[in-house]
C-alpha atoms as a PDB file:
ATOM      1  CA  MET A   1       0.069  -0.086  -0.022  1.00  0.00           C
ATOM      2  CA  LEU A   2       1.520   3.388  -1.065  1.00  0.00           C
ATOM      3  CA  ASN A   3       0.608   6.732   0.279  1.00  0.00           C
ATOM      4  CA  VAL A   4      -0.904   8.940  -2.635  1.00  0.00           C
ATOM      5  CA  LEU A   5      -1.424  12.611  -2.309  1.00  0.00           C
ATOM      6  CA  ALA A   6      -3.740  13.975  -4.748  1.00  0.00           C
ATOM      7  CA  THR A   7      -4.072  17.697  -5.123  1.00  0.00           C
ATOM      8  CA  GLY A   8      -5.379  20.275  -7.299  1.00  0.00           C
ATOM      9  CA  GLY A   9      -8.427  22.505  -7.942  1.00  0.00           C
ATOM     10  CA  TYR A  10     -10.901  23.864 -10.450  1.00  0.00           C
ATOM     11  CA  ASP A  11      -9.471  27.266 -10.621  1.00  0.00           C
ATOM     12  CA  ASP A  12     -11.002  29.676 -13.079  1.00  0.00           C
ATOM     13  CA  MET A  13     -13.402  27.146 -14.660  1.00  0.00           C
ATOM     14  CA  THR A  14     -16.340  28.760 -16.265  1.00  0.00           C
ATOM     15  CA  ASP A  15     -17.310  26.119 -18.720  1.00  0.00           C
ATOM     16  CA  PRO A  16     -20.011  23.986 -17.076  1.00  0.00           C
ATOM     17  CA  GLU A  17     -19.171  21.088 -19.382  1.00  0.00           C
ATOM     18  CA  ALA A  18     -15.558  21.113 -18.756  1.00  0.00           C
ATOM     19  CA  LEU A  19     -16.079  21.525 -15.098  1.00  0.00           C
ATOM     20  CA  ALA A  20     -18.269  18.406 -15.030  1.00  0.00           C
ATOM     21  CA  GLU A  21     -15.570  16.482 -16.926  1.00  0.00           C
ATOM     22  CA  ILE A  22     -12.893  17.280 -14.453  1.00  0.00           C
ATOM     23  CA  LYS A  23     -15.110  16.469 -11.540  1.00  0.00           C
ATOM     24  CA  ASP A  24     -15.970  13.024 -13.094  1.00  0.00           C
ATOM     25  CA  PHE A  25     -12.249  12.474 -13.326  1.00  0.00           C
ATOM     26  CA  THR A  26     -11.597  13.496  -9.877  1.00  0.00           C
ATOM     27  CA  LYS A  27     -14.162  11.046  -8.518  1.00  0.00           C
ATOM     28  CA  CYS A  28     -12.656   8.336 -10.653  1.00  0.00           C
ATOM     29  CA  LEU A  29      -9.182   9.178  -9.452  1.00  0.00           C
ATOM     30  CA  GLY A  30     -10.262   8.761  -5.933  1.00  0.00           C
ATOM     31  CA  GLN A  31     -11.957   5.448  -6.691  1.00  0.00           C
ATOM     32  CA  GLU A  32      -8.806   4.107  -8.461  1.00  0.00           C
ATOM     33  CA  ILE A  33      -6.357   5.045  -5.667  1.00  0.00           C
ATOM     34  CA  ILE A  34      -8.449   2.793  -3.460  1.00  0.00           C
ATOM     35  CA  ASP A  35      -9.200   0.112  -5.943  1.00  0.00           C
ATOM     36  CA  GLN A  36      -5.588  -0.361  -6.744  1.00  0.00           C
ATOM     37  CA  GLY A  37      -4.860  -0.814  -3.208  1.00  0.00           C
ATOM     38  CA  HIS A  38      -3.328   2.476  -1.998  1.00  0.00           C
ATOM     39  CA  ARG A  39      -4.043   5.047   0.704  1.00  0.00           C
ATOM     40  CA  LEU A  40      -5.404   8.410  -0.274  1.00  0.00           C
ATOM     41  CA  LEU A  41      -3.856  11.563   1.481  1.00  0.00           C
ATOM     42  CA  ASN A  42      -6.163  14.617   1.215  1.00  0.00           C
ATOM     43  CA  GLU A  43      -5.813  18.286   2.196  1.00  0.00           C
ATOM     44  CA  CYS A  44      -9.347  18.702   2.934  1.00  0.00           C
ATOM     45  CA  GLN A  45      -9.295  22.383   1.656  1.00  0.00           C
ATOM     46  CA  ASN A  46     -11.550  22.812  -1.446  1.00  0.00           C
ATOM     47  CA  GLN A  47     -14.038  21.126  -3.690  1.00  0.00           C
ATOM     48  CA  PHE A  48     -11.431  19.108  -5.454  1.00  0.00           C
ATOM     49  CA  ASP A  49     -10.442  17.571  -2.182  1.00  0.00           C
ATOM     50  CA  GLN A  50     -14.214  16.860  -1.379  1.00  0.00           C
ATOM     51  CA  VAL A  51     -15.067  15.222  -4.715  1.00  0.00           C
ATOM     52  CA  LEU A  52     -11.711  13.072  -4.512  1.00  0.00           C
ATOM     53  CA  ALA A  53     -12.477  11.960  -0.900  1.00  0.00           C
ATOM     54  CA  GLU A  54     -16.131  11.120  -1.914  1.00  0.00           C
ATOM     55  CA  GLY A  55     -14.978   8.990  -4.779  1.00  0.00           C
ATOM     56  CA  ALA A  56     -12.668   7.099  -2.333  1.00  0.00           C
ATOM     57  CA  SER A  57     -15.369   6.680   0.208  1.00  0.00           C
ATOM     58  CA  GLU A  58     -17.823   5.375  -2.470  1.00  0.00           C
ATOM     59  CA  GLN A  59     -15.253   2.683  -3.616  1.00  0.00           C
ATOM     60  CA  LEU A  60     -14.941   1.735   0.001  1.00  0.00           C
ATOM     61  CA  ASN A  61     -18.993   1.439   0.399  1.00  0.00           C
ATOM     62  CA  HIS A  62     -18.659   4.209   2.961  1.00  0.00           C
ATOM     63  CA  ASN A  63     -17.262   1.779   5.459  1.00  0.00           C
ATOM     64  CA  LYS A  64     -16.007   3.734   8.475  1.00  0.00           C
ATOM     65  CA  THR A  65     -13.412   1.316   9.481  1.00  0.00           C
ATOM     66  CA  GLU A  66     -11.825   1.069   6.129  1.00  0.00           C
ATOM     67  CA  LEU A  67     -12.033   4.876   5.751  1.00  0.00           C
ATOM     68  CA  GLU A  68     -10.055   5.188   9.098  1.00  0.00           C
ATOM     69  CA  ASP A  69      -7.083   3.660   7.248  1.00  0.00           C
ATOM     70  CA  ARG A  70      -7.468   4.367   3.570  1.00  0.00           C
ATOM     71  CA  VAL A  71      -8.472   8.146   3.439  1.00  0.00           C
ATOM     72  CA  ASN A  72      -6.254  10.435   5.582  1.00  0.00           C
ATOM     73  CA  SER A  73      -6.638  14.172   5.596  1.00  0.00           C
ATOM     74  CA  TYR A  74      -4.394  16.943   6.841  1.00  0.00           C
ATOM     75  CA  LYS A  75      -5.939  20.344   7.569  1.00  0.00           C
ATOM     76  CA  LEU A  76      -3.944  23.510   7.851  1.00  0.00           C
ATOM     77  CA  GLN A  77      -4.246  25.357  11.079  1.00  0.00           C
ATOM     78  CA  ASP A  78      -5.784  28.488   9.364  1.00  0.00           C
ATOM     79  CA  THR A  79      -8.462  26.445   7.560  1.00  0.00           C
ATOM     80  CA  GLU A  80     -11.665  27.529   9.133  1.00  0.00           C
ATOM     81  CA  LYS A  81     -13.890  24.606   8.049  1.00  0.00           C
ATOM     82  CA  PRO A  82     -12.717  21.221   6.497  1.00  0.00           C
ATOM     83  CA  ALA A  83     -13.973  20.657   2.884  1.00  0.00           C
ATOM     84  CA  HIS A  84     -15.464  17.372   4.022  1.00  0.00           C
ATOM     85  CA  ASN A  85     -15.705  14.965   7.103  1.00  0.00           C
ATOM     86  CA  ILE A  86     -14.661  11.622   5.272  1.00  0.00           C
ATOM     87  CA  GLY A  87     -12.153   9.689   7.220  1.00  0.00           C
ATOM     88  CA  PRO A  88      -9.816  10.879   9.957  1.00  0.00           C
ATOM     89  CA  ILE A  89      -8.832  14.572   9.658  1.00  0.00           C
ATOM     90  CA  TYR A  90      -5.490  15.659  11.233  1.00  0.00           C
ATOM     91  CA  ASP A  91      -4.417  19.277  12.302  1.00  0.00           C
ATOM     92  CA  SER A  92      -1.361  20.123  10.419  1.00  0.00           C
ATOM     93  CA  VAL A  93       1.457  21.779  12.415  1.00  0.00           C
ATOM     94  CA  ARG A  94       1.578  24.357   9.654  1.00  0.00           C
ATOM     95  CA  LYS A  95      -0.489  27.338   9.128  1.00  0.00           C
ATOM     96  CA  ASP A  96       0.392  27.569   5.451  1.00  0.00           C
ATOM     97  CA  TRP A  97       2.488  26.059   2.598  1.00  0.00           C
ATOM     98  CA  ASN A  98       4.758  29.051   2.235  1.00  0.00           C
ATOM     99  CA  LEU A  99       8.227  28.331   0.896  1.00  0.00           C
ATOM    100  CA  THR A 100       9.730  31.409   2.100  1.00  0.00           C
ATOM    101  CA  ARG A 101      10.884  30.355   5.548  1.00  0.00           C
ATOM    102  CA  VAL A 102      14.143  30.488   7.559  1.00  0.00           C
ATOM    103  CA  THR A 103      14.148  26.552   7.485  1.00  0.00           C
ATOM    104  CA  LEU A 104      12.223  24.408   4.812  1.00  0.00           C
ATOM    105  CA  ASP A 105      10.661  21.741   6.952  1.00  0.00           C
ATOM    106  CA  ILE A 106       8.748  19.351   4.675  1.00  0.00           C
ATOM    107  CA  PRO A 107       4.901  19.525   5.339  1.00  0.00           C
ATOM    108  CA  GLU A 108       3.814  16.372   6.971  1.00  0.00           C
ATOM    109  CA  VAL A 109       1.401  15.268   4.106  1.00  0.00           C
ATOM    110  CA  ILE A 110       4.257  15.673   1.585  1.00  0.00           C
ATOM    111  CA  LYS A 111       6.625  13.747   3.891  1.00  0.00           C
ATOM    112  CA  LYS A 112       4.160  11.067   4.480  1.00  0.00           C
ATOM    113  CA  ALA A 113       3.276  10.684   0.731  1.00  0.00           C
ATOM    114  CA  ASP A 114       5.123   8.184  -1.619  1.00  0.00           C
ATOM    115  CA  ILE A 115       4.029  10.268  -4.615  1.00  0.00           C
ATOM    116  CA  ILE A 116       2.021  13.339  -5.539  1.00  0.00           C
ATOM    117  CA  ILE A 117      -0.644  13.517  -8.215  1.00  0.00           C
ATOM    118  CA  LEU A 118      -1.583  17.117  -9.525  1.00  0.00           C
ATOM    119  CA  VAL A 119      -4.779  17.880 -11.245  1.00  0.00           C
ATOM    120  CA  ARG A 120      -5.317  21.342 -12.811  1.00  0.00           C
ATOM    121  CA  GLY A 121      -5.034  23.897  -9.884  1.00  0.00           C
ATOM    122  CA  GLY A 122      -3.192  27.265  -9.715  1.00  0.00           C
ATOM    123  CA  ASN A 123      -0.695  28.594  -7.657  1.00  0.00           C
ATOM    124  CA  ARG A 124      -1.459  26.214  -4.815  1.00  0.00           C
ATOM    125  CA  SER A 125      -0.379  23.473  -7.228  1.00  0.00           C
ATOM    126  CA  TYR A 126       2.930  24.884  -8.164  1.00  0.00           C
ATOM    127  CA  VAL A 127       3.921  25.152  -4.358  1.00  0.00           C
ATOM    128  CA  ARG A 128       2.859  21.398  -3.891  1.00  0.00           C
ATOM    129  CA  ALA A 129       4.953  20.542  -6.914  1.00  0.00           C
ATOM    130  CA  ASN A 130       7.991  22.440  -5.418  1.00  0.00           C
ATOM    131  CA  TRP A 131       7.635  20.884  -2.060  1.00  0.00           C
ATOM    132  CA  ALA A 132       7.432  17.414  -3.750  1.00  0.00           C
ATOM    133  CA  ARG A 133      10.809  18.063  -5.559  1.00  0.00           C
ATOM    134  CA  LEU A 134      12.357  19.309  -2.354  1.00  0.00           C
ATOM    135  CA  ALA A 135      11.403  15.979  -0.772  1.00  0.00           C
ATOM    136  CA  ASN A 136      12.590  14.209  -3.743  1.00  0.00           C
ATOM    137  CA  LYS A 137       9.126  12.683  -4.369  1.00  0.00           C
ATOM    138  CA  PRO A 138       7.796  11.547  -7.890  1.00  0.00           C
ATOM    139  CA  VAL A 139       5.244  14.078  -9.442  1.00  0.00           C
ATOM    140  CA  LEU A 140       2.262  12.963 -11.654  1.00  0.00           C
ATOM    141  CA  PRO A 141       0.888  16.000 -13.103  1.00  0.00           C
ATOM    142  CA  VAL A 142      -2.362  15.229 -15.169  1.00  0.00           C
ATOM    143  CA  ALA A 143      -1.856  17.582 -18.178  1.00  0.00           C
ATOM    144  CA  ARG A 144      -5.065  16.863 -19.901  1.00  0.00           C
ATOM    145  CA  PHE A 145      -7.068  19.492 -17.975  1.00  0.00           C
ATOM    146  CA  GLY A 146      -4.582  22.199 -18.387  1.00  0.00           C
ATOM    147  CA  TYR A 147      -3.687  25.127 -16.221  1.00  0.00           C
ATOM    148  CA  ALA A 148      -0.868  24.601 -13.369  1.00  0.00           C
ATOM    149  CA  ALA A 149      -0.800  20.879 -13.898  1.00  0.00           C
ATOM    150  CA  ARG A 150       0.025  21.231 -17.548  1.00  0.00           C
ATOM    151  CA  HIS A 151       2.977  23.545 -16.901  1.00  0.00           C
ATOM    152  CA  ILE A 152       4.331  21.290 -14.058  1.00  0.00           C
ATOM    153  CA  TYR A 153       3.890  18.168 -16.563  1.00  0.00           C
ATOM    154  CA  GLU A 154       5.982  20.051 -19.091  1.00  0.00           C
ATOM    155  CA  ALA A 155       8.753  20.668 -16.632  1.00  0.00           C
ATOM    156  CA  GLU A 156       8.682  16.993 -15.499  1.00  0.00           C
ATOM    157  CA  LEU A 157       8.832  15.761 -18.964  1.00  0.00           C
ATOM    158  CA  ARG A 158      11.907  18.004 -19.738  1.00  0.00           C
ATOM    159  CA  ASP A 159      13.440  16.184 -16.626  1.00  0.00           C
ATOM    160  CA  PHE A 160      12.218  12.753 -17.666  1.00  0.00           C
ATOM    161  CA  ASP A 161      15.515  11.255 -18.424  1.00  0.00           C
ATOM    162  CA  HIS A 162      17.004  12.240 -15.134  1.00  0.00           C
ATOM    163  CA  LYS A 163      14.233  11.647 -12.921  1.00  0.00           C
ATOM    164  CA  TYR A 164      12.035   8.745 -14.242  1.00  0.00           C
ATOM    165  CA  ALA A 165      13.716   6.958 -17.202  1.00  0.00           C
ATOM    166  CA  ASN A 166      15.001   4.110 -15.201  1.00  0.00           C
ATOM    167  CA  TYR A 167      11.439   3.492 -13.991  1.00  0.00           C
ATOM    168  CA  LEU A 168       9.421   3.475 -17.060  1.00  0.00           C
ATOM    169  CA  PRO A 169       9.336   4.448 -20.845  1.00  0.00           C
ATOM    170  CA  GLN A 170       8.533   8.217 -21.484  1.00  0.00           C
ATOM    171  CA  VAL A 171       5.577   7.207 -23.657  1.00  0.00           C
ATOM    172  CA  VAL A 172       3.980   5.588 -20.535  1.00  0.00           C
ATOM    173  CA  TYR A 173       4.403   8.817 -18.578  1.00  0.00           C
ATOM    174  CA  GLN A 174       2.784  10.631 -21.416  1.00  0.00           C
ATOM    175  CA  ASP A 175      -0.443   8.811 -20.687  1.00  0.00           C
ATOM    176  CA  LEU A 176      -0.992  11.822 -18.301  1.00  0.00           C
ATOM    177  CA  ASN A 177      -1.478  13.995 -21.452  1.00  0.00           C
ATOM    178  CA  ARG A 178      -3.866  11.592 -23.270  1.00  0.00           C
ATOM    179  CA  ARG A 179      -7.013  13.082 -24.737  1.00  0.00           C
ATOM    180  CA  ASP A 180      -8.103  10.041 -26.905  1.00  0.00           C
ATOM    181  CA  ILE A 181      -9.255   7.831 -23.771  1.00  0.00           C
ATOM    182  CA  ASP A 182     -12.164   8.316 -21.538  1.00  0.00           C
ATOM    183  CA  ILE A 183     -11.987   9.746 -18.045  1.00  0.00           C
ATOM    184  CA  SER A 184     -12.178   6.438 -16.105  1.00  0.00           C
ATOM    185  CA  GLU A 185      -9.339   4.930 -18.246  1.00  0.00           C
ATOM    186  CA  LEU A 186      -7.263   8.116 -17.817  1.00  0.00           C
ATOM    187  CA  ALA A 187      -7.576   7.789 -14.023  1.00  0.00           C
ATOM    188  CA  ARG A 188      -6.888   4.149 -14.021  1.00  0.00           C
ATOM    189  CA  ARG A 189      -3.458   4.729 -15.976  1.00  0.00           C
ATOM    190  CA  ALA A 190      -2.604   7.704 -13.745  1.00  0.00           C
ATOM    191  CA  VAL A 191      -2.850   5.449 -10.720  1.00  0.00           C
ATOM    192  CA  GLN A 192      -1.010   2.727 -12.383  1.00  0.00           C
ATOM    193  CA  LEU A 193       1.928   4.827 -12.692  1.00  0.00           C
ATOM    194  CA  VAL A 194       2.132   5.247  -8.905  1.00  0.00           C
ATOM    195  CA  GLU A 195       3.473   1.831  -8.415  1.00  0.00           C
ATOM    196  CA  LYS A 196       5.712   2.015 -11.465  1.00  0.00           C
ATOM    197  CA  LEU A 197       7.506   5.054 -10.094  1.00  0.00           C
ATOM    198  CA  CYS A 198       7.504   4.120  -6.344  1.00  0.00           C
ATOM    199  CA  LEU A 199       8.510   0.393  -6.535  1.00  0.00           C
ATOM    200  CA  SER A 200      11.562  -0.483  -8.379  1.00  0.00           C
ATOM    201  CA  TRP A 201      11.221  -3.699 -10.245  1.00  0.00           C
ATOM    202  CA  GLN A 202      14.845  -3.461 -11.593  1.00  0.00           C
ATOM    203  CA  ALA A 203      17.883  -5.378 -10.608  1.00  0.00           C
ATOM    204  CA  PHE A 204      21.507  -4.434 -11.565  1.00  0.00           C
ATOM    205  CA  VAL A 205      24.319  -7.048 -11.963  1.00  0.00           C
ATOM    206  CA  VAL A 206      27.868  -6.230 -11.395  1.00  0.00           C
ATOM    207  CA  MET A 207      30.442  -8.912 -12.610  1.00  0.00           C
ATOM    208  CA  SER A 208      33.558  -9.450 -14.417  1.00  0.00           C
ATOM    209  CA  PHE A 209      33.546 -10.109 -18.199  1.00  0.00           C
ATOM    210  CA  SER A 210      36.022 -12.955 -17.981  1.00  0.00           C
ATOM    211  CA  ASP A 211      35.668 -15.543 -20.742  1.00  0.00           C
ATOM    212  CA  ARG A 212      36.249 -18.361 -18.302  1.00  0.00           C
ATOM    213  CA  ASP A 213      34.154 -21.376 -19.462  1.00  0.00           C
ATOM    214  CA  ASP A 214      32.477 -21.713 -15.879  1.00  0.00           C
ATOM    215  CA  LEU A 215      31.149 -18.064 -16.123  1.00  0.00           C
ATOM    216  CA  ILE A 216      29.672 -18.230 -19.616  1.00  0.00           C
ATOM    217  CA  ASP A 217      26.144 -18.815 -18.319  1.00  0.00           C
ATOM    218  CA  LEU A 218      26.363 -16.655 -15.156  1.00  0.00           C
ATOM    219  CA  SER A 219      24.703 -13.622 -16.665  1.00  0.00           C
ATOM    220  CA  ASP A 220      21.902 -15.762 -18.064  1.00  0.00           C
ATOM    221  CA  THR A 221      21.325 -17.241 -14.645  1.00  0.00           C
ATOM    222  CA  PHE A 222      20.961 -13.821 -12.832  1.00  0.00           C
ATOM    223  CA  VAL A 223      18.547 -12.651 -15.568  1.00  0.00           C
ATOM    224  CA  SER A 224      16.405 -15.682 -15.537  1.00  0.00           C
ATOM    225  CA  CYS A 225      16.077 -15.749 -11.745  1.00  0.00           C
ATOM    226  CA  CYS A 226      15.215 -12.053 -11.621  1.00  0.00           C
ATOM    227  CA  GLU A 227      12.551 -12.437 -14.296  1.00  0.00           C
ATOM    228  CA  GLU A 228      10.850 -15.112 -12.251  1.00  0.00           C
ATOM    229  CA  PHE A 229      10.003 -12.790  -9.518  1.00  0.00           C
ATOM    230  CA  GLY A 230       9.059  -9.854 -12.082  1.00  0.00           C
ATOM    231  CA  TYR A 231      12.467  -7.940 -12.086  1.00  0.00           C
ATOM    232  CA  SER A 232      14.155  -6.779 -15.260  1.00  0.00           C
ATOM    233  CA  CYS A 233      17.757  -7.294 -14.927  1.00  0.00           C
ATOM    234  CA  GLU A 234      20.556  -5.240 -16.331  1.00  0.00           C
ATOM    235  CA  LYS A 235      24.419  -5.597 -16.213  1.00  0.00           C
ATOM    236  CA  VAL A 236      27.371  -3.338 -16.972  1.00  0.00           C
ATOM    237  CA  ASN A 237      28.107  -3.260 -20.572  1.00  0.00           C
ATOM    238  CA  GLU A 238      31.508  -1.685 -20.335  1.00  0.00           C
ATOM    239  CA  ASP A 239      34.803  -3.694 -20.509  1.00  0.00           C
ATOM    240  CA  ASN A 240      35.943  -4.398 -17.084  1.00  0.00           C
ATOM    241  CA  THR A 241      39.258  -2.328 -17.766  1.00  0.00           C
ATOM    242  CA  VAL A 242      37.282   0.857 -17.599  1.00  0.00           C
ATOM    243  CA  THR A 243      38.947   2.845 -14.731  1.00  0.00           C
ATOM    244  CA  ARG A 244      35.869   4.961 -13.732  1.00  0.00           C
ATOM    245  CA  ILE A 245      32.170   4.083 -13.370  1.00  0.00           C
ATOM    246  CA  VAL A 246      30.124   6.093 -15.866  1.00  0.00           C
ATOM    247  CA  PRO A 247      27.222   8.305 -14.388  1.00  0.00           C
ATOM    248  CA  ALA A 248      24.655   5.949 -16.140  1.00  0.00           C
ATOM    249  CA  ILE A 249      25.977   2.942 -14.122  1.00  0.00           C
ATOM    250  CA  TRP A 250      25.570   5.054 -10.896  1.00  0.00           C
ATOM    251  CA  GLN A 251      22.108   5.815 -11.757  1.00  0.00           C
ATOM    252  CA  LYS A 252      21.104   2.166 -12.452  1.00  0.00           C
ATOM    253  CA  ILE A 253      22.843   1.119  -9.010  1.00  0.00           C
ATOM    254  CA  ARG A 254      20.850   3.971  -7.261  1.00  0.00           C
ATOM    255  CA  SER A 255      17.478   3.157  -8.777  1.00  0.00           C
ATOM    256  CA  GLY A 256      17.587  -0.635  -8.727  1.00  0.00           C
ATOM    257  CA  ALA A 257      15.632  -2.582  -6.109  1.00  0.00           C
ATOM    258  CA  PHE A 258      18.736  -4.703  -5.415  1.00  0.00           C
ATOM    259  CA  VAL A 259      22.227  -5.139  -6.859  1.00  0.00           C
ATOM    260  CA  ILE A 260      23.750  -8.570  -7.763  1.00  0.00           C
ATOM    261  CA  VAL A 261      27.489  -8.652  -7.494  1.00  0.00           C
ATOM    262  CA  ASP A 262      29.588 -11.679  -8.452  1.00  0.00           C
ATOM    263  CA  LEU A 263      33.086 -11.761  -7.097  1.00  0.00           C
ATOM    264  CA  THR A 264      34.438 -14.879  -8.716  1.00  0.00           C
ATOM    265  CA  VAL A 265      36.947 -12.922 -10.724  1.00  0.00           C
ATOM    266  CA  PRO A 266      38.884 -10.210  -8.960  1.00  0.00           C
ATOM    267  CA  SER A 267      38.232  -6.797 -10.537  1.00  0.00           C
ATOM    268  CA  HIS A 268      38.801  -3.265  -9.228  1.00  0.00           C
ATOM    269  CA  ASN A 269      35.576  -2.085 -11.040  1.00  0.00           C
ATOM    270  CA  VAL A 270      33.562  -4.630  -9.563  1.00  0.00           C
ATOM    271  CA  TYR A 271      34.808  -4.003  -6.020  1.00  0.00           C
ATOM    272  CA  TYR A 272      34.293  -0.258  -6.581  1.00  0.00           C
ATOM    273  CA  GLU A 273      30.745  -0.693  -7.724  1.00  0.00           C
ATOM    274  CA  LEU A 274      30.081  -3.021  -4.761  1.00  0.00           C
ATOM    275  CA  GLY A 275      31.370  -0.359  -2.376  1.00  0.00           C
ATOM    276  CA  TYR A 276      29.225   2.305  -3.936  1.00  0.00           C
ATOM    277  CA  ALA A 277      26.054   0.177  -3.749  1.00  0.00           C
ATOM    278  CA  GLU A 278      26.949  -0.585  -0.066  1.00  0.00           C
ATOM    279  CA  ALA A 279      27.453   2.930   0.751  1.00  0.00           C
ATOM    280  CA  LEU A 280      24.084   3.784  -0.659  1.00  0.00           C
ATOM    281  CA  GLY A 281      22.559   0.961   1.555  1.00  0.00           C
ATOM    282  CA  LYS A 282      21.271  -0.861  -1.469  1.00  0.00           C
ATOM    283  CA  GLU A 283      20.122  -4.405  -0.848  1.00  0.00           C
ATOM    284  CA  LEU A 284      23.008  -6.627  -1.994  1.00  0.00           C
ATOM    285  CA  VAL A 285      23.119 -10.212  -3.515  1.00  0.00           C
ATOM    286  CA  VAL A 286      26.784 -11.192  -3.477  1.00  0.00           C
ATOM    287  CA  THR A 287      27.848 -14.425  -5.215  1.00  0.00           C
ATOM    288  CA  ALA A 288      30.995 -16.123  -5.817  1.00  0.00           C
ATOM    289  CA  LYS A 289      32.171 -19.556  -7.057  1.00  0.00           C
ATOM    290  CA  GLU A 290      32.992 -22.084  -4.301  1.00  0.00           C
ATOM    291  CA  GLY A 291      36.759 -21.754  -3.496  1.00  0.00           C
ATOM    292  CA  THR A 292      37.051 -17.928  -4.353  1.00  0.00           C
ATOM    293  CA  ASP A 293      39.445 -16.225  -1.997  1.00  0.00           C
ATOM    294  CA  LEU A 294      37.786 -12.978  -1.133  1.00  0.00           C
ATOM    295  CA  PRO A 295      39.679  -9.772   0.231  1.00  0.00           C
ATOM    296  CA  PHE A 296      39.568  -9.582   3.974  1.00  0.00           C
ATOM    297  CA  ASP A 297      37.260  -6.497   4.152  1.00  0.00           C
ATOM    298  CA  ILE A 298      34.508  -8.291   1.917  1.00  0.00           C
ATOM    299  CA  ARG A 299      34.551 -11.617   3.854  1.00  0.00           C
ATOM    300  CA  ASP A 300      32.022 -10.488   6.418  1.00  0.00           C
ATOM    301  CA  LEU A 301      29.479  -9.922   3.725  1.00  0.00           C
ATOM    302  CA  PRO A 302      26.794 -12.736   3.180  1.00  0.00           C
ATOM    303  CA  VAL A 303      27.917 -14.519   0.114  1.00  0.00           C
ATOM    304  CA  ILE A 304      26.077 -17.142  -2.036  1.00  0.00           C
ATOM    305  CA  TYR A 305      28.854 -19.427  -2.938  1.00  0.00           C
ATOM    306  CA  TRP A 306      27.933 -21.679  -5.982  1.00  0.00           C
ATOM    307  CA  THR A 307      29.387 -24.791  -7.617  1.00  0.00           C
ATOM    308  CA  ASN A 308      27.292 -24.615 -10.745  1.00  0.00           C
ATOM    309  CA  GLN A 309      24.401 -22.773 -12.449  1.00  0.00           C
ATOM    310  CA  ARG A 310      21.724 -25.045 -11.115  1.00  0.00           C
ATOM    311  CA  ASP A 311      22.999 -24.714  -7.610  1.00  0.00           C
ATOM    312  CA  LEU A 312      23.357 -20.931  -7.967  1.00  0.00           C
ATOM    313  CA  LYS A 313      19.621 -20.709  -9.341  1.00  0.00           C
ATOM    314  CA  GLU A 314      18.378 -22.507  -6.196  1.00  0.00           C
ATOM    315  CA  ARG A 315      20.193 -20.243  -3.895  1.00  0.00           C
ATOM    316  CA  LEU A 316      19.340 -17.174  -5.696  1.00  0.00           C
ATOM    317  CA  ARG A 317      15.651 -17.866  -5.740  1.00  0.00           C
ATOM    318  CA  GLY A 318      15.388 -17.971  -2.030  1.00  0.00           C
ATOM    319  CA  LYS A 319      17.387 -14.552  -1.711  1.00  0.00           C
ATOM    320  CA  ILE A 320      15.097 -12.865  -4.296  1.00  0.00           C
ATOM    321  CA  ALA A 321      12.035 -14.136  -2.875  1.00  0.00           C
ATOM    322  CA  SER A 322      13.107 -12.692   0.452  1.00  0.00           C
ATOM    323  CA  ILE A 323      13.888  -9.267  -1.093  1.00  0.00           C
ATOM    324  CA  THR A 324      10.594  -9.168  -2.890  1.00  0.00           C
ATOM    325  CA  ALA A 325       8.643 -10.175   0.395  1.00  0.00           C
ATOM    326  CA  GLN A 326      10.389  -7.385   2.204  1.00  0.00           C
ATOM    327  CA  GLN A 327       9.800  -4.810  -0.570  1.00  0.00           C
ATOM    328  CA  ARG A 328       6.125  -5.443  -0.465  1.00  0.00           C
ATOM    329  CA  LYS A 329       6.024  -5.423   3.398  1.00  0.00           C
ATOM    330  CA  ASN A 330       7.805  -1.993   3.500  1.00  0.00           C
ATOM    331  CA  ASN A 331       5.125  -0.580   1.193  1.00  0.00           C
ATOM    332  CA  HIS A 332       2.143  -2.138   2.977  1.00  0.00           C
ATOM    333  CA  ARG A 333       1.809   0.601   5.641  1.00  0.00           C
END
């Protein structure tokens, strides 16, 4: 379960038909956040927040016990009256969202959110987007309805390669700007992006490119085991004599759910990449052929020692299954 902050507004909308369409979308968005298994975070400030919460409540059949967990709102201290009374409503420690402060303490609703969805809105949405960027949270601006969300979408698209390319193809992110699908489908696709951007389903392999016969199938073993659990698996494609890790490799290590490192063949680059992944606190799967003499400062790492590819596959499956279970547990909160 991921925490999804959906925020926006119907600023300057005078066309009744256009207003009805965006309200329908807002309701569908609230329903989809719940239907796809997530928790809705809400600001309880305006009509958008009200329609959103109503959609979520309807999806939960207005069950008070479910609403207690699945729809959480945070009301600013200066807000006189909440926009709705759906689910628990907490008083924020903040009186406003002002960015011009001595210290920029992240608002609790942004801090708690795993991702922020923006729909239309005005200056309020620009502020939310900037707080999300400061907190390093993914932003999903639904561009179809224009106004602030469109401008934010264009900015995010310019930074796509840096921020999101390791999680999904750009064409999938561009679903946020689709006009050829109906409102309910747009909402469904927008929420589908939540898990794609918050849960990494990529693994990265670090290993020597030795042509030893016993290593020929090693990379294929890693790839096939990862794919069994739904992870795509990439490996370094540079020669192991390269003296410096390129930024693209750093990014893949940073964005991966875990890093597989095989230490069978000594390599300065492999050790360097292992050290970088460990310093980032990444989940590590370290392997080596039985009999490999590891350096003293690596021996304390848990190592899967293998004798052949069948043996390695059996041991890898257990480790990757454990990582997968932990990843899902960490995001079920």
